[in-house]
């Protein structure tokens, strides 16, 4: 599918295609937020996040899309107030996903 960049149809068609491609892995807000090609995945544990990343990777890469390893990051929030020590690293395949203190999503710093 090819559309000129800036076409009024481009965002709609991209959203439609992404919705179909990821139908089996999407979860409700706030666990999964998808806007165009920006995706936020939330989980209680690093293990759970690794599982979600792998399901998204398979869903997209089997249809010739690719998760950008260079743009992917994770942020740990301790809303419960309890400290959790985990040796588990967040990865996409063999690529180590960097941990950050804040990130930008839809022009907002979180």
Protein backbone atom coordinates (compact mmCIF):
# COMPACT_ATOMS: atom_id res chain seq x y z
CA UNK A 1 0.00 0.00 0.00
CA UNK A 2 1.48 3.35 -0.94
CA UNK A 3 0.22 6.81 -0.11
CA UNK A 4 1.84 10.18 -0.38
CA UNK A 5 3.20 11.46 2.89
CA UNK A 6 0.85 14.15 4.13
CA UNK A 7 -2.20 12.52 2.54
CA UNK A 8 -5.34 12.89 4.64
CA UNK A 9 -5.95 9.15 4.25
CA UNK A 10 -2.52 8.03 5.50
CA UNK A 11 -3.18 8.15 9.27
CA UNK A 12 -6.58 6.48 8.91
CA UNK A 13 -5.27 3.65 6.71
CA UNK A 14 -2.22 3.10 8.92
CA UNK A 15 -4.40 2.89 12.03
CA UNK A 16 -6.73 0.47 10.26
CA UNK A 17 -3.85 -1.79 9.18
CA UNK A 18 -2.22 -1.69 12.65
CA UNK A 19 -5.53 -2.52 14.30
CA UNK A 20 -5.96 -5.61 12.13
CA UNK A 21 -2.31 -6.72 12.48
CA UNK A 22 -2.28 -6.42 16.27
CA UNK A 23 -5.83 -7.52 17.02
CA UNK A 24 -4.66 -10.65 18.81
CA UNK A 25 -2.19 -8.89 21.12
CA UNK A 26 -3.94 -5.65 22.02
CA UNK A 27 -5.24 -5.21 25.55
CA UNK A 28 -7.41 -2.51 27.03
CA UNK A 29 -6.18 0.88 28.18
CA UNK A 30 -3.99 1.46 30.18
CA UNK A 31 -2.19 -1.87 29.54
CA UNK A 32 -1.80 -1.11 25.85
CA UNK A 33 -2.04 2.29 24.19
CA UNK A 34 -1.62 2.57 20.44
CA UNK A 35 -1.56 5.81 18.48
CA UNK A 36 -0.30 5.55 14.90
CA UNK A 37 3.11 3.87 15.22
CA UNK A 38 3.63 4.81 18.88
CA UNK A 39 2.88 1.99 21.30
CA UNK A 40 2.95 1.95 25.11
CA UNK A 41 2.81 -1.42 26.87
CA UNK A 42 2.33 -1.63 30.63
CA UNK A 43 2.77 -4.58 32.95
CA UNK A 44 3.33 -5.25 36.65
CA UNK A 45 6.60 -7.12 36.10
CA UNK A 46 9.57 -7.19 33.76
CA UNK A 47 8.72 -10.79 32.95
CA UNK A 48 5.23 -9.74 31.90
CA UNK A 49 6.65 -6.91 29.81
CA UNK A 50 9.04 -9.31 28.08
CA UNK A 51 6.07 -11.56 27.28
CA UNK A 52 4.11 -8.65 25.79
CA UNK A 53 7.09 -7.44 23.76
CA UNK A 54 7.57 -10.93 22.34
CA UNK A 55 3.88 -11.26 21.40
CA UNK A 56 3.96 -7.83 19.70
CA UNK A 57 7.23 -8.69 17.94
CA UNK A 58 5.77 -11.90 16.55
CA UNK A 59 2.49 -10.26 15.55
CA UNK A 60 4.28 -7.49 13.65
CA UNK A 61 7.33 -9.26 12.23
CA UNK A 62 5.34 -12.16 10.79
CA UNK A 63 3.59 -9.50 8.68
CA UNK A 64 6.79 -7.71 7.60
CA UNK A 65 6.62 -4.90 10.18
CA UNK A 66 9.43 -4.36 12.67
CA UNK A 67 9.70 -3.02 16.21
CA UNK A 68 12.45 -0.40 16.26
CA UNK A 69 14.99 -1.72 18.74
CA UNK A 70 16.77 1.66 18.80
CA UNK A 71 13.63 3.58 19.79
CA UNK A 72 12.29 1.08 22.33
CA UNK A 73 12.78 1.90 26.03
CA UNK A 74 11.18 0.97 29.30
CA UNK A 75 10.44 2.90 32.44
CA UNK A 76 9.85 1.38 35.85
CA UNK A 77 7.20 2.95 38.08
CA UNK A 78 6.62 1.79 41.63
CA UNK A 79 3.05 2.91 42.19
CA UNK A 80 2.54 0.40 44.98
CA UNK A 81 5.48 1.84 46.90
CA UNK A 82 7.14 -1.53 47.33
CA UNK A 83 10.63 -2.22 46.09
CA UNK A 84 11.02 -5.15 43.76
CA UNK A 85 14.40 -6.61 43.06
CA UNK A 86 14.47 -8.46 39.79
CA UNK A 87 17.42 -9.77 37.84
CA UNK A 88 15.28 -10.06 34.72
CA UNK A 89 16.37 -7.81 31.86
CA UNK A 90 13.87 -6.38 29.40
CA UNK A 91 14.74 -7.61 25.89
CA UNK A 92 13.48 -7.84 22.35
CA UNK A 93 15.15 -10.99 21.05
CA UNK A 94 18.78 -10.53 22.07
CA UNK A 95 18.56 -6.71 22.13
CA UNK A 96 18.69 -5.26 25.65
CA UNK A 97 16.00 -2.58 26.06
CA UNK A 98 17.40 0.43 27.95
CA UNK A 99 15.75 1.58 31.17
CA UNK A 100 14.96 5.32 31.34
CA UNK A 101 13.68 7.68 34.03
CA UNK A 102 11.31 9.45 31.61
CA UNK A 103 10.26 9.18 27.99
CA UNK A 104 8.37 11.14 25.39
CA UNK A 105 4.98 9.89 24.17
CA UNK A 106 2.82 11.97 21.84
CA UNK A 107 4.84 15.14 22.56
CA UNK A 108 4.49 14.71 26.34
CA UNK A 109 7.28 13.76 28.71
CA UNK A 110 6.22 10.98 31.04
